[in-house]
Amino acid sequence: MPSANNSSKVTLFCVVAMMMMMKMMMVEAAAMPTAKHPRTHTEASDGAEAEIIPLQIDNQFLRHYRSVRPLQNASISPWTYNITNDATLVPPFLSEARCLLRGCLDLDGVEDLNLESRPIMHQAMLLRRVKSKGAEHGYHYRLESRLLAVGCTCVRPTIQYQN
């Protein structure tokens, strides 16, 4: 009889373990993201396949925030911002830095042409609103990359000697 008792304990253990595994699988399945809208694949104008994904944009994140300390006037390579507005882009306003000097400022605030002011470039990801083919009022967003000048820095000039 002791072997029958051990066998029922093993069976009970296996049943409990399987129930726990099923519960874990159900919890995992419930936690998986579900698509409210089906994804669709289309062909882009350049022949590449494009995946269309539903997107919600929260305008709260598009507000302009002021820097704690504006650096463009405290730099030895000062710059100004050119602000452009394009309603088909998210964000619609883009600030791009433009260096004010060819050289850099010395300790007395005089331009030193032995140094050069150069833009600091940053690759930004933007969304462009594009009219959908065949839809009279429909549109979708296309992800774009753009290289933007975000500030200026002071560098030693590159001198190339010719033989």
C-alpha atoms as a PDB file:
ATOM      1  CA  MET A   1       0.000   0.000   0.000  1.00  0.00           C
ATOM      2  CA  PRO A   2       2.784   2.501   0.531  1.00  0.00           C
ATOM      3  CA  SER A   3       3.446   2.576  -3.223  1.00  0.00           C
ATOM      4  CA  ALA A   4      -0.225   3.398  -3.980  1.00  0.00           C
ATOM      5  CA  ASN A   5      -0.045   6.243  -1.461  1.00  0.00           C
ATOM      6  CA  ASN A   6       3.143   7.588  -3.101  1.00  0.00           C
ATOM      7  CA  SER A   7       1.554   7.238  -6.540  1.00  0.00           C
ATOM      8  CA  SER A   8      -1.466   9.326  -5.528  1.00  0.00           C
ATOM      9  CA  LYS A   9       0.850  11.961  -4.024  1.00  0.00           C
ATOM     10  CA  VAL A  10       2.832  12.133  -7.275  1.00  0.00           C
ATOM     11  CA  THR A  11      -0.405  12.381  -9.275  1.00  0.00           C
ATOM     12  CA  LEU A  12      -1.700  15.133  -6.992  1.00  0.00           C
ATOM     13  CA  PHE A  13       1.604  16.999  -7.282  1.00  0.00           C
ATOM     14  CA  CYS A  14       1.505  16.736 -11.101  1.00  0.00           C
ATOM     15  CA  VAL A  15      -2.093  17.979 -11.247  1.00  0.00           C
ATOM     16  CA  VAL A  16      -1.290  20.953  -8.988  1.00  0.00           C
ATOM     17  CA  ALA A  17       1.848  21.768 -11.005  1.00  0.00           C
ATOM     18  CA  MET A  18      -0.098  21.620 -14.286  1.00  0.00           C
ATOM     19  CA  MET A  19      -2.832  23.862 -12.870  1.00  0.00           C
ATOM     20  CA  MET A  20      -0.221  26.383 -11.743  1.00  0.00           C
ATOM     21  CA  MET A  21       1.395  26.337 -15.196  1.00  0.00           C
ATOM     22  CA  MET A  22      -1.990  26.865 -16.861  1.00  0.00           C
ATOM     23  CA  LYS A  23      -2.687  29.794 -14.524  1.00  0.00           C
ATOM     24  CA  MET A  24       0.705  31.346 -15.383  1.00  0.00           C
ATOM     25  CA  MET A  25       0.005  30.937 -19.102  1.00  0.00           C
ATOM     26  CA  MET A  26      -3.403  32.582 -18.719  1.00  0.00           C
ATOM     27  CA  VAL A  27      -1.858  35.520 -16.842  1.00  0.00           C
ATOM     28  CA  GLU A  28       0.812  35.915 -19.549  1.00  0.00           C
ATOM     29  CA  ALA A  29      -1.790  35.754 -22.314  1.00  0.00           C
ATOM     30  CA  ALA A  30      -3.927  38.387 -20.582  1.00  0.00           C
ATOM     31  CA  ALA A  31      -0.923  40.690 -20.230  1.00  0.00           C
ATOM     32  CA  MET A  32      -0.013  40.539 -23.932  1.00  0.00           C
ATOM     33  CA  PRO A  33      -0.896  43.646 -25.937  1.00  0.00           C
ATOM     34  CA  THR A  34      -3.822  43.321 -28.263  1.00  0.00           C
ATOM     35  CA  ALA A  35      -4.353  45.339 -31.388  1.00  0.00           C
ATOM     36  CA  LYS A  36      -7.549  47.363 -31.417  1.00  0.00           C
ATOM     37  CA  HIS A  37      -6.929  48.099 -35.072  1.00  0.00           C
ATOM     38  CA  PRO A  38      -5.407  45.602 -37.460  1.00  0.00           C
ATOM     39  CA  ARG A  39      -2.007  46.422 -38.881  1.00  0.00           C
ATOM     40  CA  THR A  40      -1.896  46.773 -42.618  1.00  0.00           C
ATOM     41  CA  HIS A  41       0.941  46.523 -45.062  1.00  0.00           C
ATOM     42  CA  THR A  42       1.144  48.730 -48.127  1.00  0.00           C
ATOM     43  CA  GLU A  43       3.719  49.475 -50.752  1.00  0.00           C
ATOM     44  CA  ALA A  44       5.478  52.820 -50.367  1.00  0.00           C
ATOM     45  CA  SER A  45       6.089  55.113 -53.338  1.00  0.00           C
ATOM     46  CA  ASP A  46       9.719  53.937 -53.537  1.00  0.00           C
ATOM     47  CA  GLY A  47       8.619  50.298 -53.863  1.00  0.00           C
ATOM     48  CA  ALA A  48       9.483  49.300 -50.276  1.00  0.00           C
ATOM     49  CA  GLU A  49       6.862  47.650 -48.114  1.00  0.00           C
ATOM     50  CA  ALA A  50       5.459  49.961 -45.443  1.00  0.00           C
ATOM     51  CA  GLU A  51       3.683  48.864 -42.298  1.00  0.00           C
ATOM     52  CA  ILE A  52       0.796  51.061 -41.164  1.00  0.00           C
ATOM     53  CA  ILE A  53       0.316  51.131 -37.403  1.00  0.00           C
ATOM     54  CA  PRO A  54      -2.430  53.052 -35.543  1.00  0.00           C
ATOM     55  CA  LEU A  55      -1.014  56.041 -33.670  1.00  0.00           C
ATOM     56  CA  GLN A  56      -2.364  58.322 -30.961  1.00  0.00           C
ATOM     57  CA  ILE A  57      -0.617  61.660 -30.436  1.00  0.00           C
ATOM     58  CA  ASP A  58      -0.929  63.463 -27.118  1.00  0.00           C
ATOM     59  CA  ASN A  59      -0.680  67.216 -27.820  1.00  0.00           C
ATOM     60  CA  GLN A  60       0.416  67.785 -24.215  1.00  0.00           C
ATOM     61  CA  PHE A  61       3.923  66.671 -25.189  1.00  0.00           C
ATOM     62  CA  LEU A  62       4.125  69.172 -28.050  1.00  0.00           C
ATOM     63  CA  ARG A  63       4.281  72.220 -25.775  1.00  0.00           C
ATOM     64  CA  HIS A  64       7.342  74.434 -25.864  1.00  0.00           C
ATOM     65  CA  TYR A  65       9.503  74.145 -22.774  1.00  0.00           C
ATOM     66  CA  ARG A  66      12.009  76.816 -21.901  1.00  0.00           C
ATOM     67  CA  SER A  67      15.539  75.793 -21.040  1.00  0.00           C
ATOM     68  CA  VAL A  68      16.563  76.423 -17.435  1.00  0.00           C
ATOM     69  CA  ARG A  69      19.566  78.404 -18.664  1.00  0.00           C
ATOM     70  CA  PRO A  70      19.788  79.474 -22.289  1.00  0.00           C
ATOM     71  CA  LEU A  71      23.249  78.476 -23.479  1.00  0.00           C
ATOM     72  CA  GLN A  72      23.334  80.130 -26.887  1.00  0.00           C
ATOM     73  CA  ASN A  73      24.493  83.494 -25.480  1.00  0.00           C
ATOM     74  CA  ALA A  74      26.812  82.069 -22.801  1.00  0.00           C
ATOM     75  CA  SER A  75      28.812  80.030 -25.312  1.00  0.00           C
ATOM     76  CA  ILE A  76      32.137  81.073 -26.849  1.00  0.00           C
ATOM     77  CA  SER A  77      30.483  79.973 -30.084  1.00  0.00           C
ATOM     78  CA  PRO A  78      27.118  81.793 -29.842  1.00  0.00           C
ATOM     79  CA  TRP A  79      24.133  80.889 -31.991  1.00  0.00           C
ATOM     80  CA  THR A  80      20.574  81.884 -32.694  1.00  0.00           C
ATOM     81  CA  TYR A  81      17.564  79.746 -33.513  1.00  0.00           C
ATOM     82  CA  ASN A  82      15.606  79.741 -36.758  1.00  0.00           C
ATOM     83  CA  ILE A  83      12.116  78.436 -36.042  1.00  0.00           C
ATOM     84  CA  THR A  84      10.151  76.859 -38.872  1.00  0.00           C
ATOM     85  CA  ASN A  85       6.512  75.819 -38.868  1.00  0.00           C
ATOM     86  CA  ASP A  86       5.202  72.921 -40.938  1.00  0.00           C
ATOM     87  CA  ALA A  87       1.655  71.817 -40.116  1.00  0.00           C
ATOM     88  CA  THR A  88       2.253  68.429 -41.771  1.00  0.00           C
ATOM     89  CA  LEU A  89       5.007  67.548 -39.264  1.00  0.00           C
ATOM     90  CA  VAL A  90       4.872  66.326 -35.686  1.00  0.00           C
ATOM     91  CA  PRO A  91       6.224  68.330 -33.972  1.00  0.00           C
ATOM     92  CA  PRO A  92       5.021  71.218 -36.169  1.00  0.00           C
ATOM     93  CA  PHE A  93       7.645  73.703 -34.923  1.00  0.00           C
ATOM     94  CA  LEU A  94      11.351  72.993 -35.409  1.00  0.00           C
ATOM     95  CA  SER A  95      14.156  75.100 -33.942  1.00  0.00           C
ATOM     96  CA  GLU A  96      17.431  74.941 -35.827  1.00  0.00           C
ATOM     97  CA  ALA A  97      20.611  76.608 -34.582  1.00  0.00           C
ATOM     98  CA  ARG A  98      22.628  78.987 -36.762  1.00  0.00           C
ATOM     99  CA  CYS A  99      26.140  79.972 -35.658  1.00  0.00           C
ATOM    100  CA  LEU A 100      26.545  83.749 -35.327  1.00  0.00           C
ATOM    101  CA  LEU A 101      30.328  83.874 -35.800  1.00  0.00           C
ATOM    102  CA  ARG A 102      32.913  82.307 -38.098  1.00  0.00           C
ATOM    103  CA  GLY A 103      35.405  82.239 -35.230  1.00  0.00           C
ATOM    104  CA  CYS A 104      34.999  81.893 -31.449  1.00  0.00           C
ATOM    105  CA  LEU A 105      35.010  84.424 -28.632  1.00  0.00           C
ATOM    106  CA  ASP A 106      38.118  84.827 -26.490  1.00  0.00           C
ATOM    107  CA  LEU A 107      38.153  85.800 -22.790  1.00  0.00           C
ATOM    108  CA  ASP A 108      37.610  89.472 -23.692  1.00  0.00           C
ATOM    109  CA  GLY A 109      34.637  88.698 -25.944  1.00  0.00           C
ATOM    110  CA  VAL A 110      36.589  89.372 -29.151  1.00  0.00           C
ATOM    111  CA  GLU A 111      36.223  86.990 -32.092  1.00  0.00           C
ATOM    112  CA  ASP A 112      39.280  84.754 -32.555  1.00  0.00           C
ATOM    113  CA  LEU A 113      39.506  83.543 -36.166  1.00  0.00           C
ATOM    114  CA  ASN A 114      42.154  80.936 -35.244  1.00  0.00           C
ATOM    115  CA  LEU A 115      39.191  78.848 -34.054  1.00  0.00           C
ATOM    116  CA  GLU A 116      35.940  77.996 -35.867  1.00  0.00           C
ATOM    117  CA  SER A 117      32.294  77.921 -34.810  1.00  0.00           C
ATOM    118  CA  ARG A 118      30.623  74.760 -36.085  1.00  0.00           C
ATOM    119  CA  PRO A 119      27.044  73.506 -35.723  1.00  0.00           C
ATOM    120  CA  ILE A 120      26.309  70.514 -33.482  1.00  0.00           C
ATOM    121  CA  MET A 121      24.168  68.148 -35.536  1.00  0.00           C
ATOM    122  CA  HIS A 122      21.476  65.827 -34.175  1.00  0.00           C
ATOM    123  CA  GLN A 123      19.392  63.285 -36.078  1.00  0.00           C
ATOM    124  CA  ALA A 124      15.735  63.779 -35.114  1.00  0.00           C
ATOM    125  CA  MET A 125      12.809  61.496 -35.875  1.00  0.00           C
ATOM    126  CA  LEU A 126       9.689  63.284 -37.135  1.00  0.00           C
ATOM    127  CA  LEU A 127       6.250  62.235 -38.301  1.00  0.00           C
ATOM    128  CA  ARG A 128       4.922  63.652 -41.577  1.00  0.00           C
ATOM    129  CA  ARG A 129       1.193  63.629 -42.346  1.00  0.00           C
ATOM    130  CA  VAL A 130       0.642  62.170 -45.822  1.00  0.00           C
ATOM    131  CA  LYS A 131      -2.600  61.977 -47.774  1.00  0.00           C
ATOM    132  CA  SER A 132      -3.694  58.343 -48.164  1.00  0.00           C
ATOM    133  CA  LYS A 133      -4.147  56.986 -51.683  1.00  0.00           C
ATOM    134  CA  GLY A 134      -7.774  56.524 -52.672  1.00  0.00           C
ATOM    135  CA  ALA A 135      -9.153  58.166 -49.524  1.00  0.00           C
ATOM    136  CA  GLU A 136     -10.695  61.584 -50.056  1.00  0.00           C
ATOM    137  CA  HIS A 137     -10.113  62.869 -46.525  1.00  0.00           C
ATOM    138  CA  GLY A 138      -7.852  60.175 -45.092  1.00  0.00           C
ATOM    139  CA  TYR A 139      -4.198  60.478 -44.214  1.00  0.00           C
ATOM    140  CA  HIS A 140      -1.476  58.600 -42.374  1.00  0.00           C
ATOM    141  CA  TYR A 141       1.863  59.511 -40.770  1.00  0.00           C
ATOM    142  CA  ARG A 142       5.235  58.578 -42.231  1.00  0.00           C
ATOM    143  CA  LEU A 143       8.318  58.415 -40.006  1.00  0.00           C
ATOM    144  CA  GLU A 144      11.120  60.658 -41.278  1.00  0.00           C
ATOM    145  CA  SER A 145      14.630  61.376 -40.140  1.00  0.00           C
ATOM    146  CA  ARG A 146      16.109  64.859 -40.318  1.00  0.00           C
ATOM    147  CA  LEU A 147      19.556  66.181 -39.425  1.00  0.00           C
ATOM    148  CA  LEU A 148      19.142  69.358 -37.332  1.00  0.00           C
ATOM    149  CA  ALA A 149      21.678  71.815 -35.922  1.00  0.00           C
ATOM    150  CA  VAL A 150      20.935  72.022 -32.179  1.00  0.00           C
ATOM    151  CA  GLY A 151      23.731  74.381 -31.109  1.00  0.00           C
ATOM    152  CA  CYS A 152      27.237  75.508 -32.004  1.00  0.00           C
ATOM    153  CA  THR A 153      30.637  74.552 -30.656  1.00  0.00           C
ATOM    154  CA  CYS A 154      34.151  75.863 -31.031  1.00  0.00           C
ATOM    155  CA  VAL A 155      36.718  73.716 -32.875  1.00  0.00           C
ATOM    156  CA  ARG A 156      40.263  74.019 -34.166  1.00  0.00           C
ATOM    157  CA  PRO A 157      40.192  74.525 -37.936  1.00  0.00           C
ATOM    158  CA  THR A 158      41.050  71.571 -40.134  1.00  0.00           C
ATOM    159  CA  ILE A 159      44.042  72.438 -42.270  1.00  0.00           C
ATOM    160  CA  GLN A 160      44.763  70.257 -45.278  1.00  0.00           C
ATOM    161  CA  TYR A 161      48.180  70.701 -46.835  1.00  0.00           C
ATOM    162  CA  GLN A 162      48.596  70.032 -50.540  1.00  0.00           C
ATOM    163  CA  ASN A 163      51.791  68.546 -51.940  1.00  0.00           C
END
